[in-house]
Amino acid sequence: MGKDPRAPEFRILDPKRDPAQNHALLRARVIPEALGSHVSSALEYLPSEELVDCINTALAVGSPLLITGEPGTGKTQAAFFTALKLGLGAPLKLDVNSETTVHDLFYRFDRVAYFHDAQRGRAAGGAELSKERYVSEGPLWEAFDRSRAGENSIVLLDEIDKAPRDFPNDLLNALDQHSFTITELDHREIRGDPRRPPLVVITSNSEKRLPEPLLRRCIYHYIPFDEDQVRAIVEHRCGGFPALDEATRAAALARFLELRALPLRKKPATGELLVWLTVLSARGGASAQHLLRAPLDQLPALFCLLKDRDDLARAAGRGSV
């Protein structure tokens, strides 16, 4: 198929074009909302029946919901989808990394600003500073405040497997007792309403095993890579690929599954497939015949799917099995 005339210009950077023309196209560029925003893409999210059942179970019993699966299968989007469908706005999100502590979930204390101001105050003979002005709410504190006000919320702990070893265990008391203390404020207790706890959604790429005490408390769901579900997702989202007809989408999906069948270091997931289809549509010129005839390593925009040099060699038939 050719390029959809309604689609924006794909080739924004053209070395042969005048920079002013390139710049004008850059200014007119609009990223598809479903690719650039969790909130927008939640509108198109298609959960499995089992995932919906797990969400309802976690809501019914007040347990955290742990969602695992390979990257790109929609774990984070599940939390945004749930918040959207429950009319709660965006989840209160904590992006977990190797330096995250449980206090980042509870509250933030600006130690640098406090000690800087305290030193200046002592030098000027001022009174002792109140630490309260240097403490700000974390996602769980905000969720507890909402619960006491009779409101509901969702807290998202994204990619907990990236956290230091003690992080999961440090969560347990707060999640069980719906409370935590602020050390810097003389151990002030912050409590939620146990009758209306926030839904805590925890995602993990399974890069390391989580401690059993946390697993025991969670409702667990693994998002598998399911070909039928992927087909349903592609058809559900086909409006985002206006230049690809049904036959071309089917051919693209077949080649995508062929790539996943290779012994790759990093198999492309559903999220990467959706990006690839978006790019094929925007570039124009893709057809079912062309996609089916092309060698795997010569598929258009293959860089959307394969992210490892050795995997590119395997696609070309040069890699070791």
C-alpha atoms as a PDB file:
ATOM      1  CA  MET A   1       0.000   0.000   0.000  1.00  0.00           C
ATOM      2  CA  GLY A   2       1.072   3.589  -0.524  1.00  0.00           C
ATOM      3  CA  LYS A   3       1.367   6.279   2.074  1.00  0.00           C
ATOM      4  CA  ASP A   4      -1.960   7.435   3.492  1.00  0.00           C
ATOM      5  CA  PRO A   5      -2.502  11.022   2.301  1.00  0.00           C
ATOM      6  CA  ARG A   6      -3.876  11.923   5.723  1.00  0.00           C
ATOM      7  CA  ALA A   7      -0.658  10.892   7.463  1.00  0.00           C
ATOM      8  CA  PRO A   8       1.938  13.525   8.421  1.00  0.00           C
ATOM      9  CA  GLU A   9       5.306  13.657   6.704  1.00  0.00           C
ATOM     10  CA  PHE A  10       7.545  10.837   7.946  1.00  0.00           C
ATOM     11  CA  ARG A  11      10.896  11.923   6.489  1.00  0.00           C
ATOM     12  CA  ILE A  12      11.478  14.994   8.652  1.00  0.00           C
ATOM     13  CA  LEU A  13      15.266  14.941   8.394  1.00  0.00           C
ATOM     14  CA  ASP A  14      16.365  15.015   4.762  1.00  0.00           C
ATOM     15  CA  PRO A  15      20.078  15.856   4.310  1.00  0.00           C
ATOM     16  CA  LYS A  16      19.355  17.161   0.802  1.00  0.00           C
ATOM     17  CA  ARG A  17      16.606  19.479   1.944  1.00  0.00           C
ATOM     18  CA  ASP A  18      17.076  23.050   3.115  1.00  0.00           C
ATOM     19  CA  PRO A  19      17.335  23.191   6.942  1.00  0.00           C
ATOM     20  CA  ALA A  20      14.413  25.632   7.073  1.00  0.00           C
ATOM     21  CA  GLN A  21      12.191  23.066   5.370  1.00  0.00           C
ATOM     22  CA  ASN A  22      13.335  20.340   7.739  1.00  0.00           C
ATOM     23  CA  HIS A  23      12.671  22.656  10.665  1.00  0.00           C
ATOM     24  CA  ALA A  24       9.157  23.461   9.429  1.00  0.00           C
ATOM     25  CA  LEU A  25       8.371  19.740   9.268  1.00  0.00           C
ATOM     26  CA  LEU A  26       9.860  19.243  12.714  1.00  0.00           C
ATOM     27  CA  ARG A  27       7.599  21.961  14.116  1.00  0.00           C
ATOM     28  CA  ALA A  28       4.596  20.261  12.530  1.00  0.00           C
ATOM     29  CA  ARG A  29       5.540  16.859  13.957  1.00  0.00           C
ATOM     30  CA  VAL A  30       2.930  15.269  16.227  1.00  0.00           C
ATOM     31  CA  ILE A  31       3.774  12.032  18.031  1.00  0.00           C
ATOM     32  CA  PRO A  32       0.836   9.571  18.148  1.00  0.00           C
ATOM     33  CA  GLU A  33      -0.609   9.957  21.636  1.00  0.00           C
ATOM     34  CA  ALA A  34      -0.939   6.215  22.151  1.00  0.00           C
ATOM     35  CA  LEU A  35       2.857   5.895  21.803  1.00  0.00           C
ATOM     36  CA  GLY A  36       3.891   8.846  23.933  1.00  0.00           C
ATOM     37  CA  SER A  37       1.471   8.783  26.855  1.00  0.00           C
ATOM     38  CA  HIS A  38       0.448   6.053  29.285  1.00  0.00           C
ATOM     39  CA  VAL A  39      -2.825   7.890  29.874  1.00  0.00           C
ATOM     40  CA  SER A  40      -3.679   8.058  26.161  1.00  0.00           C
ATOM     41  CA  SER A  41      -2.623   4.497  25.379  1.00  0.00           C
ATOM     42  CA  ALA A  42      -4.779   3.248  28.265  1.00  0.00           C
ATOM     43  CA  LEU A  43      -7.768   4.150  26.080  1.00  0.00           C
ATOM     44  CA  GLU A  44      -6.677   1.434  23.627  1.00  0.00           C
ATOM     45  CA  TYR A  45      -5.496  -1.152  26.164  1.00  0.00           C
ATOM     46  CA  LEU A  46      -7.001  -4.622  25.738  1.00  0.00           C
ATOM     47  CA  PRO A  47      -6.653  -6.740  28.903  1.00  0.00           C
ATOM     48  CA  SER A  48      -7.213 -10.463  29.080  1.00  0.00           C
ATOM     49  CA  GLU A  49     -10.150 -11.830  31.077  1.00  0.00           C
ATOM     50  CA  GLU A  50      -7.700 -13.346  33.572  1.00  0.00           C
ATOM     51  CA  LEU A  51      -6.061  -9.966  34.184  1.00  0.00           C
ATOM     52  CA  VAL A  52      -9.461  -8.347  34.755  1.00  0.00           C
ATOM     53  CA  ASP A  53     -10.295 -11.129  37.220  1.00  0.00           C
ATOM     54  CA  CYS A  54      -7.029 -10.529  39.106  1.00  0.00           C
ATOM     55  CA  ILE A  55      -7.687  -6.776  39.263  1.00  0.00           C
ATOM     56  CA  ASN A  56     -11.172  -7.382  40.677  1.00  0.00           C
ATOM     57  CA  THR A  57      -9.796  -9.862  43.212  1.00  0.00           C
ATOM     58  CA  ALA A  58      -7.157  -7.386  44.420  1.00  0.00           C
ATOM     59  CA  LEU A  59      -9.833  -4.706  44.760  1.00  0.00           C
ATOM     60  CA  ALA A  60     -12.168  -7.064  46.645  1.00  0.00           C
ATOM     61  CA  VAL A  61      -9.647  -8.234  49.251  1.00  0.00           C
ATOM     62  CA  GLY A  62      -7.402  -5.142  49.438  1.00  0.00           C
ATOM     63  CA  SER A  63      -4.238  -6.985  48.435  1.00  0.00           C
ATOM     64  CA  PRO A  64      -1.442  -5.626  46.242  1.00  0.00           C
ATOM     65  CA  LEU A  65      -1.522  -6.784  42.620  1.00  0.00           C
ATOM     66  CA  LEU A  66       1.796  -8.075  41.292  1.00  0.00           C
ATOM     67  CA  ILE A  67       2.030  -8.161  37.489  1.00  0.00           C
ATOM     68  CA  THR A  68       5.006  -9.815  35.815  1.00  0.00           C
ATOM     69  CA  GLY A  69       5.976 -10.564  32.230  1.00  0.00           C
ATOM     70  CA  GLU A  70       8.638  -9.737  29.693  1.00  0.00           C
ATOM     71  CA  PRO A  71       9.209  -6.048  28.885  1.00  0.00           C
ATOM     72  CA  GLY A  72       6.680  -4.579  26.469  1.00  0.00           C
ATOM     73  CA  THR A  73       3.729  -6.813  27.348  1.00  0.00           C
ATOM     74  CA  GLY A  74       1.668  -4.039  28.959  1.00  0.00           C
ATOM     75  CA  LYS A  75       2.318  -4.348  32.688  1.00  0.00           C
ATOM     76  CA  THR A  76       2.520  -0.616  33.363  1.00  0.00           C
ATOM     77  CA  GLN A  77      -0.395   0.040  31.037  1.00  0.00           C
ATOM     78  CA  ALA A  78      -2.548  -2.316  33.109  1.00  0.00           C
ATOM     79  CA  ALA A  79      -2.372   0.120  36.029  1.00  0.00           C
ATOM     80  CA  PHE A  80      -3.240   3.112  33.850  1.00  0.00           C
ATOM     81  CA  PHE A  81      -6.078   1.148  32.218  1.00  0.00           C
ATOM     82  CA  THR A  82      -7.477   0.227  35.631  1.00  0.00           C
ATOM     83  CA  ALA A  83      -7.306   3.821  36.844  1.00  0.00           C
ATOM     84  CA  LEU A  84      -9.014   5.027  33.661  1.00  0.00           C
ATOM     85  CA  LYS A  85     -11.854   2.517  33.840  1.00  0.00           C
ATOM     86  CA  LEU A  86     -12.411   3.219  37.552  1.00  0.00           C
ATOM     87  CA  GLY A  87     -12.492   6.963  36.949  1.00  0.00           C
ATOM     88  CA  LEU A  88      -9.552   7.648  39.239  1.00  0.00           C
ATOM     89  CA  GLY A  89      -7.218   9.679  37.050  1.00  0.00           C
ATOM     90  CA  ALA A  90      -3.613   8.634  36.617  1.00  0.00           C
ATOM     91  CA  PRO A  91      -2.016   6.263  39.168  1.00  0.00           C
ATOM     92  CA  LEU A  92       0.281   7.684  41.836  1.00  0.00           C
ATOM     93  CA  LYS A  93       3.490   6.337  40.338  1.00  0.00           C
ATOM     94  CA  LEU A  94       6.939   5.540  41.706  1.00  0.00           C
ATOM     95  CA  ASP A  95       9.536   4.602  39.096  1.00  0.00           C
ATOM     96  CA  VAL A  96      11.826   2.174  40.909  1.00  0.00           C
ATOM     97  CA  ASN A  97      15.577   2.133  40.255  1.00  0.00           C
ATOM     98  CA  SER A  98      18.718   0.827  41.925  1.00  0.00           C
ATOM     99  CA  GLU A  99      18.814   3.755  44.354  1.00  0.00           C
ATOM    100  CA  THR A 100      15.139   3.745  45.343  1.00  0.00           C
ATOM    101  CA  THR A 101      14.334   3.258  49.014  1.00  0.00           C
ATOM    102  CA  VAL A 102      10.991   2.600  50.615  1.00  0.00           C
ATOM    103  CA  HIS A 103      11.001   6.176  51.916  1.00  0.00           C
ATOM    104  CA  ASP A 104      10.633   7.390  48.324  1.00  0.00           C
ATOM    105  CA  LEU A 105       7.237   5.706  48.341  1.00  0.00           C
ATOM    106  CA  PHE A 106       6.275   7.232  51.698  1.00  0.00           C
ATOM    107  CA  TYR A 107       7.755  10.729  51.644  1.00  0.00           C
ATOM    108  CA  ARG A 108      10.746  12.783  50.546  1.00  0.00           C
ATOM    109  CA  PHE A 109      12.967  14.713  52.933  1.00  0.00           C
ATOM    110  CA  ASP A 110      15.219  17.294  51.281  1.00  0.00           C
ATOM    111  CA  ARG A 111      18.306  16.750  53.416  1.00  0.00           C
ATOM    112  CA  VAL A 112      20.543  18.913  51.278  1.00  0.00           C
ATOM    113  CA  ALA A 113      18.297  21.963  51.532  1.00  0.00           C
ATOM    114  CA  TYR A 114      17.659  21.367  55.242  1.00  0.00           C
ATOM    115  CA  PHE A 115      21.331  21.118  56.231  1.00  0.00           C
ATOM    116  CA  HIS A 116      22.250  24.039  53.992  1.00  0.00           C
ATOM    117  CA  ASP A 117      19.590  26.270  55.554  1.00  0.00           C
ATOM    118  CA  ALA A 118      20.348  25.007  59.052  1.00  0.00           C
ATOM    119  CA  GLN A 119      24.031  25.831  58.658  1.00  0.00           C
ATOM    120  CA  ARG A 120      23.242  29.307  57.397  1.00  0.00           C
ATOM    121  CA  GLY A 121      20.814  29.817  60.270  1.00  0.00           C
ATOM    122  CA  ARG A 122      23.337  28.731  62.886  1.00  0.00           C
ATOM    123  CA  ALA A 123      25.949  31.003  61.371  1.00  0.00           C
ATOM    124  CA  ALA A 124      23.531  33.921  61.618  1.00  0.00           C
ATOM    125  CA  GLY A 125      22.408  32.995  65.118  1.00  0.00           C
ATOM    126  CA  GLY A 126      18.925  32.042  63.903  1.00  0.00           C
ATOM    127  CA  ALA A 127      16.444  29.686  65.547  1.00  0.00           C
ATOM    128  CA  GLU A 128      16.377  25.984  64.785  1.00  0.00           C
ATOM    129  CA  LEU A 129      14.588  25.180  61.533  1.00  0.00           C
ATOM    130  CA  SER A 130      11.375  23.190  61.353  1.00  0.00           C
ATOM    131  CA  LYS A 131      12.002  19.999  59.419  1.00  0.00           C
ATOM    132  CA  GLU A 132       8.381  19.872  58.329  1.00  0.00           C
ATOM    133  CA  ARG A 133       8.870  22.368  55.528  1.00  0.00           C
ATOM    134  CA  TYR A 134      11.475  20.038  53.964  1.00  0.00           C
ATOM    135  CA  VAL A 135       9.174  17.001  53.921  1.00  0.00           C
ATOM    136  CA  SER A 136       6.917  16.324  50.928  1.00  0.00           C
ATOM    137  CA  GLU A 137       4.374  13.606  50.236  1.00  0.00           C
ATOM    138  CA  GLY A 138       5.256  10.423  48.399  1.00  0.00           C
ATOM    139  CA  PRO A 139       2.719   8.384  46.396  1.00  0.00           C
ATOM    140  CA  LEU A 140       1.586   6.194  49.310  1.00  0.00           C
ATOM    141  CA  TRP A 141       1.181   9.185  51.659  1.00  0.00           C
ATOM    142  CA  GLU A 142      -1.055  10.876  49.073  1.00  0.00           C
ATOM    143  CA  ALA A 143      -3.022   7.659  48.652  1.00  0.00           C
ATOM    144  CA  PHE A 144      -3.514   7.344  52.427  1.00  0.00           C
ATOM    145  CA  ASP A 145      -4.712  10.950  52.595  1.00  0.00           C
ATOM    146  CA  ARG A 146      -7.249  10.194  49.878  1.00  0.00           C
ATOM    147  CA  SER A 147      -8.459   7.057  51.646  1.00  0.00           C
ATOM    148  CA  ARG A 148      -9.103   8.979  54.861  1.00  0.00           C
ATOM    149  CA  ALA A 149     -11.095  11.504  52.810  1.00  0.00           C
ATOM    150  CA  GLY A 150     -13.261   8.687  51.466  1.00  0.00           C
ATOM    151  CA  GLU A 151     -11.574   8.576  48.052  1.00  0.00           C
ATOM    152  CA  ASN A 152      -9.957   5.737  46.137  1.00  0.00           C
ATOM    153  CA  SER A 153      -6.642   5.680  44.318  1.00  0.00           C
ATOM    154  CA  ILE A 154      -4.087   3.460  42.626  1.00  0.00           C
ATOM    155  CA  VAL A 155      -0.408   3.400  43.559  1.00  0.00           C
ATOM    156  CA  LEU A 156       1.962   2.041  40.917  1.00  0.00           C
ATOM    157  CA  LEU A 157       5.379   0.664  41.864  1.00  0.00           C
ATOM    158  CA  ASP A 158       6.940   0.203  38.462  1.00  0.00           C
ATOM    159  CA  GLU A 159       9.716  -2.372  37.949  1.00  0.00           C
ATOM    160  CA  ILE A 160      10.253  -3.354  41.581  1.00  0.00           C
ATOM    161  CA  ASP A 161      12.886  -5.885  40.532  1.00  0.00           C
ATOM    162  CA  LYS A 162      15.277  -2.975  39.935  1.00  0.00           C
ATOM    163  CA  ALA A 163      15.159  -1.966  43.614  1.00  0.00           C
ATOM    164  CA  PRO A 164      17.771  -2.813  46.264  1.00  0.00           C
ATOM    165  CA  ARG A 165      17.318  -6.153  48.003  1.00  0.00           C
ATOM    166  CA  ASP A 166      15.651  -4.780  51.144  1.00  0.00           C
ATOM    167  CA  PHE A 167      13.067  -2.646  49.346  1.00  0.00           C
ATOM    168  CA  PRO A 168      10.314  -5.307  48.928  1.00  0.00           C
ATOM    169  CA  ASN A 169      10.522  -6.430  52.553  1.00  0.00           C
ATOM    170  CA  ASP A 170      10.471  -2.832  53.780  1.00  0.00           C
ATOM    171  CA  LEU A 171       7.069  -2.415  52.124  1.00  0.00           C
ATOM    172  CA  LEU A 172       5.337  -5.148  54.041  1.00  0.00           C
ATOM    173  CA  ASN A 173       4.371  -3.383  57.255  1.00  0.00           C
ATOM    174  CA  ALA A 174       3.050  -0.311  55.456  1.00  0.00           C
ATOM    175  CA  LEU A 175       0.925  -2.422  53.135  1.00  0.00           C
ATOM    176  CA  ASP A 176      -0.342  -4.672  55.944  1.00  0.00           C
ATOM    177  CA  GLN A 177      -1.020  -1.985  58.548  1.00  0.00           C
ATOM    178  CA  HIS A 178      -1.903   0.876  56.171  1.00  0.00           C
ATOM    179  CA  SER A 179       0.525   3.164  57.949  1.00  0.00           C
ATOM    180  CA  PHE A 180       4.125   4.357  58.121  1.00  0.00           C
ATOM    181  CA  THR A 181       6.128   6.796  60.210  1.00  0.00           C
ATOM    182  CA  ILE A 182       8.188   9.849  59.319  1.00  0.00           C
ATOM    183  CA  THR A 183      11.500   9.532  61.125  1.00  0.00           C
ATOM    184  CA  GLU A 184      12.484  13.176  60.653  1.00  0.00           C
ATOM    185  CA  LEU A 185       9.249  14.392  62.276  1.00  0.00           C
ATOM    186  CA  ASP A 186       9.625  12.517  65.572  1.00  0.00           C
ATOM    187  CA  HIS A 187       8.191   9.339  64.022  1.00  0.00           C
ATOM    188  CA  ARG A 188       4.864  10.948  63.137  1.00  0.00           C
ATOM    189  CA  GLU A 189       2.457   8.265  61.956  1.00  0.00           C
ATOM    190  CA  ILE A 190       0.667   8.580  58.621  1.00  0.00           C
ATOM    191  CA  ARG A 191      -2.349   6.305  58.370  1.00  0.00           C
ATOM    192  CA  GLY A 192      -4.807   5.342  55.676  1.00  0.00           C
ATOM    193  CA  ASP A 193      -8.339   4.053  56.087  1.00  0.00           C
ATOM    194  CA  PRO A 194      -8.061   0.242  56.130  1.00  0.00           C
ATOM    195  CA  ARG A 195     -11.649   0.020  54.876  1.00  0.00           C
ATOM    196  CA  ARG A 196     -10.669   1.812  51.671  1.00  0.00           C
ATOM    197  CA  PRO A 197      -7.018   0.960  50.926  1.00  0.00           C
ATOM    198  CA  PRO A 198      -5.464   2.097  47.660  1.00  0.00           C
ATOM    199  CA  LEU A 199      -4.955  -0.527  45.002  1.00  0.00           C
ATOM    200  CA  VAL A 200      -1.190  -1.046  44.943  1.00  0.00           C
ATOM    201  CA  VAL A 201      -0.041  -2.342  41.548  1.00  0.00           C
ATOM    202  CA  ILE A 202       3.509  -3.717  41.470  1.00  0.00           C
ATOM    203  CA  THR A 203       5.205  -4.574  38.177  1.00  0.00           C
ATOM    204  CA  SER A 204       8.265  -6.735  37.649  1.00  0.00           C
ATOM    205  CA  ASN A 205      10.258  -7.865  34.625  1.00  0.00           C
ATOM    206  CA  SER A 206      11.315 -10.905  36.669  1.00  0.00           C
ATOM    207  CA  GLU A 207      14.975  -9.918  36.508  1.00  0.00           C
ATOM    208  CA  LYS A 208      15.367 -11.246  40.031  1.00  0.00           C
ATOM    209  CA  ARG A 209      13.183 -13.254  42.371  1.00  0.00           C
ATOM    210  CA  LEU A 210      11.051 -11.299  44.815  1.00  0.00           C
ATOM    211  CA  PRO A 211      10.967 -12.335  48.491  1.00  0.00           C
ATOM    212  CA  GLU A 212       8.323 -14.859  49.476  1.00  0.00           C
ATOM    213  CA  PRO A 213       6.718 -12.681  52.203  1.00  0.00           C
ATOM    214  CA  LEU A 214       5.830 -10.122  49.516  1.00  0.00           C
ATOM    215  CA  LEU A 215       4.631 -12.793  47.087  1.00  0.00           C
ATOM    216  CA  ARG A 216       2.415 -14.302  49.771  1.00  0.00           C
ATOM    217  CA  ARG A 217       0.574 -11.003  50.235  1.00  0.00           C
ATOM    218  CA  CYS A 218       0.004 -10.284  46.545  1.00  0.00           C
ATOM    219  CA  ILE A 219      -2.545 -11.284  43.973  1.00  0.00           C
ATOM    220  CA  TYR A 220      -0.324 -12.501  41.139  1.00  0.00           C
ATOM    221  CA  HIS A 221      -0.736 -12.241  37.379  1.00  0.00           C
ATOM    222  CA  TYR A 222       1.746 -13.140  34.669  1.00  0.00           C
ATOM    223  CA  ILE A 223       1.112 -11.523  31.276  1.00  0.00           C
ATOM    224  CA  PRO A 224       2.186 -14.206  28.800  1.00  0.00           C
ATOM    225  CA  PHE A 225       3.034 -13.607  25.196  1.00  0.00           C
ATOM    226  CA  ASP A 226      -0.127 -15.025  23.634  1.00  0.00           C
ATOM    227  CA  GLU A 227      -0.409 -14.965  19.843  1.00  0.00           C
ATOM    228  CA  ASP A 228      -4.212 -14.793  19.824  1.00  0.00           C
ATOM    229  CA  GLN A 229      -4.159 -11.911  22.287  1.00  0.00           C
ATOM    230  CA  VAL A 230      -1.535 -10.098  20.205  1.00  0.00           C
ATOM    231  CA  ARG A 231      -3.677 -10.482  17.094  1.00  0.00           C
ATOM    232  CA  ALA A 232      -6.648  -9.088  18.981  1.00  0.00           C
ATOM    233  CA  ILE A 233      -4.552  -6.140  20.197  1.00  0.00           C
ATOM    234  CA  VAL A 234      -3.332  -5.357  16.672  1.00  0.00           C
ATOM    235  CA  GLU A 235      -6.877  -5.361  15.292  1.00  0.00           C
ATOM    236  CA  HIS A 236      -8.101  -3.329  18.258  1.00  0.00           C
ATOM    237  CA  ARG A 237      -5.404  -0.738  17.545  1.00  0.00           C
ATOM    238  CA  CYS A 238      -5.557  -0.879  13.736  1.00  0.00           C
ATOM    239  CA  GLY A 239      -6.821   2.711  13.541  1.00  0.00           C
ATOM    240  CA  GLY A 240      -3.296   3.755  14.442  1.00  0.00           C
ATOM    241  CA  PHE A 241      -1.960   2.183  11.240  1.00  0.00           C
ATOM    242  CA  PRO A 242      -4.190   3.766   8.566  1.00  0.00           C
ATOM    243  CA  ALA A 243      -1.931   2.857   5.639  1.00  0.00           C
ATOM    244  CA  LEU A 244      -1.863  -0.872   6.471  1.00  0.00           C
ATOM    245  CA  ASP A 245      -4.734  -3.017   5.243  1.00  0.00           C
ATOM    246  CA  GLU A 246      -5.748  -6.300   6.885  1.00  0.00           C
ATOM    247  CA  ALA A 247      -3.504  -8.421   4.659  1.00  0.00           C
ATOM    248  CA  THR A 248      -0.468  -6.217   5.360  1.00  0.00           C
ATOM    249  CA  ARG A 249      -1.106  -6.278   9.101  1.00  0.00           C
ATOM    250  CA  ALA A 250      -1.370 -10.080   8.963  1.00  0.00           C
ATOM    251  CA  ALA A 251       1.895 -10.326   7.000  1.00  0.00           C
ATOM    252  CA  ALA A 252       3.674  -8.026   9.446  1.00  0.00           C
ATOM    253  CA  LEU A 253       2.428 -10.078  12.382  1.00  0.00           C
ATOM    254  CA  ALA A 254       3.587 -13.306  10.724  1.00  0.00           C
ATOM    255  CA  ARG A 255       7.119 -11.953  10.236  1.00  0.00           C
ATOM    256  CA  PHE A 256       7.133 -10.586  13.798  1.00  0.00           C
ATOM    257  CA  LEU A 257       6.263 -14.058  15.128  1.00  0.00           C
ATOM    258  CA  GLU A 258       8.945 -15.549  12.893  1.00  0.00           C
ATOM    259  CA  LEU A 259      11.498 -13.252  14.522  1.00  0.00           C
ATOM    260  CA  ARG A 260      10.310 -14.210  17.997  1.00  0.00           C
ATOM    261  CA  ALA A 261      10.824 -17.887  17.144  1.00  0.00           C
ATOM    262  CA  LEU A 262      14.557 -17.281  16.705  1.00  0.00           C
ATOM    263  CA  PRO A 263      16.911 -17.819  19.693  1.00  0.00           C
ATOM    264  CA  LEU A 264      17.238 -14.094  20.346  1.00  0.00           C
ATOM    265  CA  ARG A 265      18.809 -12.377  23.328  1.00  0.00           C
ATOM    266  CA  LYS A 266      15.953  -9.843  23.377  1.00  0.00           C
ATOM    267  CA  LYS A 267      12.749 -10.977  21.727  1.00  0.00           C
ATOM    268  CA  PRO A 268      10.548  -8.147  20.454  1.00  0.00           C
ATOM    269  CA  ALA A 269       7.357  -7.776  22.478  1.00  0.00           C
ATOM    270  CA  THR A 270       3.886  -6.414  21.838  1.00  0.00           C
ATOM    271  CA  GLY A 271       4.908  -2.822  22.488  1.00  0.00           C
ATOM    272  CA  GLU A 272       7.654  -3.027  19.868  1.00  0.00           C
ATOM    273  CA  LEU A 273       5.260  -4.613  17.383  1.00  0.00           C
ATOM    274  CA  LEU A 274       2.853  -1.679  17.758  1.00  0.00           C
ATOM    275  CA  VAL A 275       5.682   0.798  17.202  1.00  0.00           C
ATOM    276  CA  TRP A 276       6.806  -1.148  14.115  1.00  0.00           C
ATOM    277  CA  LEU A 277       3.301  -1.133  12.628  1.00  0.00           C
ATOM    278  CA  THR A 278       3.016   2.583  13.313  1.00  0.00           C
ATOM    279  CA  VAL A 279       6.302   3.231  11.498  1.00  0.00           C
ATOM    280  CA  LEU A 280       5.387   0.993   8.544  1.00  0.00           C
ATOM    281  CA  SER A 281       2.138   2.900   8.177  1.00  0.00           C
ATOM    282  CA  ALA A 282       3.803   6.313   8.446  1.00  0.00           C
ATOM    283  CA  ARG A 283       6.584   5.481   5.976  1.00  0.00           C
ATOM    284  CA  GLY A 284       4.188   4.097   3.394  1.00  0.00           C
ATOM    285  CA  GLY A 285       4.994   1.603   0.678  1.00  0.00           C
ATOM    286  CA  ALA A 286       4.562  -1.512   2.827  1.00  0.00           C
ATOM    287  CA  SER A 287       2.542  -4.332   1.321  1.00  0.00           C
ATOM    288  CA  ALA A 288       1.769  -7.877   2.362  1.00  0.00           C
ATOM    289  CA  GLN A 289       3.696  -9.210  -0.633  1.00  0.00           C
ATOM    290  CA  HIS A 290       6.789  -7.154   0.140  1.00  0.00           C
ATOM    291  CA  LEU A 291       6.798  -8.106   3.825  1.00  0.00           C
ATOM    292  CA  LEU A 292       6.381 -11.813   3.114  1.00  0.00           C
ATOM    293  CA  ARG A 293       9.115 -11.927   0.469  1.00  0.00           C
ATOM    294  CA  ALA A 294      11.764  -9.909   2.317  1.00  0.00           C
ATOM    295  CA  PRO A 295      14.487 -11.828   4.193  1.00  0.00           C
ATOM    296  CA  LEU A 296      14.138 -11.348   7.943  1.00  0.00           C
ATOM    297  CA  ASP A 297      17.236  -9.178   8.187  1.00  0.00           C
ATOM    298  CA  GLN A 298      15.933  -6.928   5.383  1.00  0.00           C
ATOM    299  CA  LEU A 299      12.483  -6.210   6.790  1.00  0.00           C
ATOM    300  CA  PRO A 300      11.734  -2.480   6.674  1.00  0.00           C
ATOM    301  CA  ALA A 301      12.369  -0.599   9.945  1.00  0.00           C
ATOM    302  CA  LEU A 302      13.785  -3.747  11.564  1.00  0.00           C
ATOM    303  CA  PHE A 303      15.467  -1.479  14.107  1.00  0.00           C
ATOM    304  CA  CYS A 304      12.064  -1.114  15.781  1.00  0.00           C
ATOM    305  CA  LEU A 305      12.068  -4.823  16.616  1.00  0.00           C
ATOM    306  CA  LEU A 306      15.658  -5.980  17.149  1.00  0.00           C
ATOM    307  CA  LYS A 307      17.822  -4.106  19.656  1.00  0.00           C
ATOM    308  CA  ASP A 308      20.917  -6.307  19.833  1.00  0.00           C
ATOM    309  CA  ARG A 309      23.768  -6.750  17.328  1.00  0.00           C
ATOM    310  CA  ASP A 310      23.902 -10.510  17.844  1.00  0.00           C
ATOM    311  CA  ASP A 311      20.150 -10.736  17.273  1.00  0.00           C
ATOM    312  CA  LEU A 312      20.562  -8.918  13.969  1.00  0.00           C
ATOM    313  CA  ALA A 313      23.161 -11.543  12.996  1.00  0.00           C
ATOM    314  CA  ARG A 314      20.769 -14.350  13.969  1.00  0.00           C
ATOM    315  CA  ALA A 315      18.041 -12.786  11.819  1.00  0.00           C
ATOM    316  CA  ALA A 316      20.502 -12.860   8.912  1.00  0.00           C
ATOM    317  CA  GLY A 317      21.290 -16.514   9.617  1.00  0.00           C
ATOM    318  CA  ARG A 318      24.811 -15.789  10.774  1.00  0.00           C
ATOM    319  CA  GLY A 319      24.330 -16.176  14.514  1.00  0.00           C
ATOM    320  CA  SER A 320      24.898 -19.275  16.608  1.00  0.00           C
ATOM    321  CA  VAL A 321      21.899 -21.139  17.930  1.00  0.00           C
END
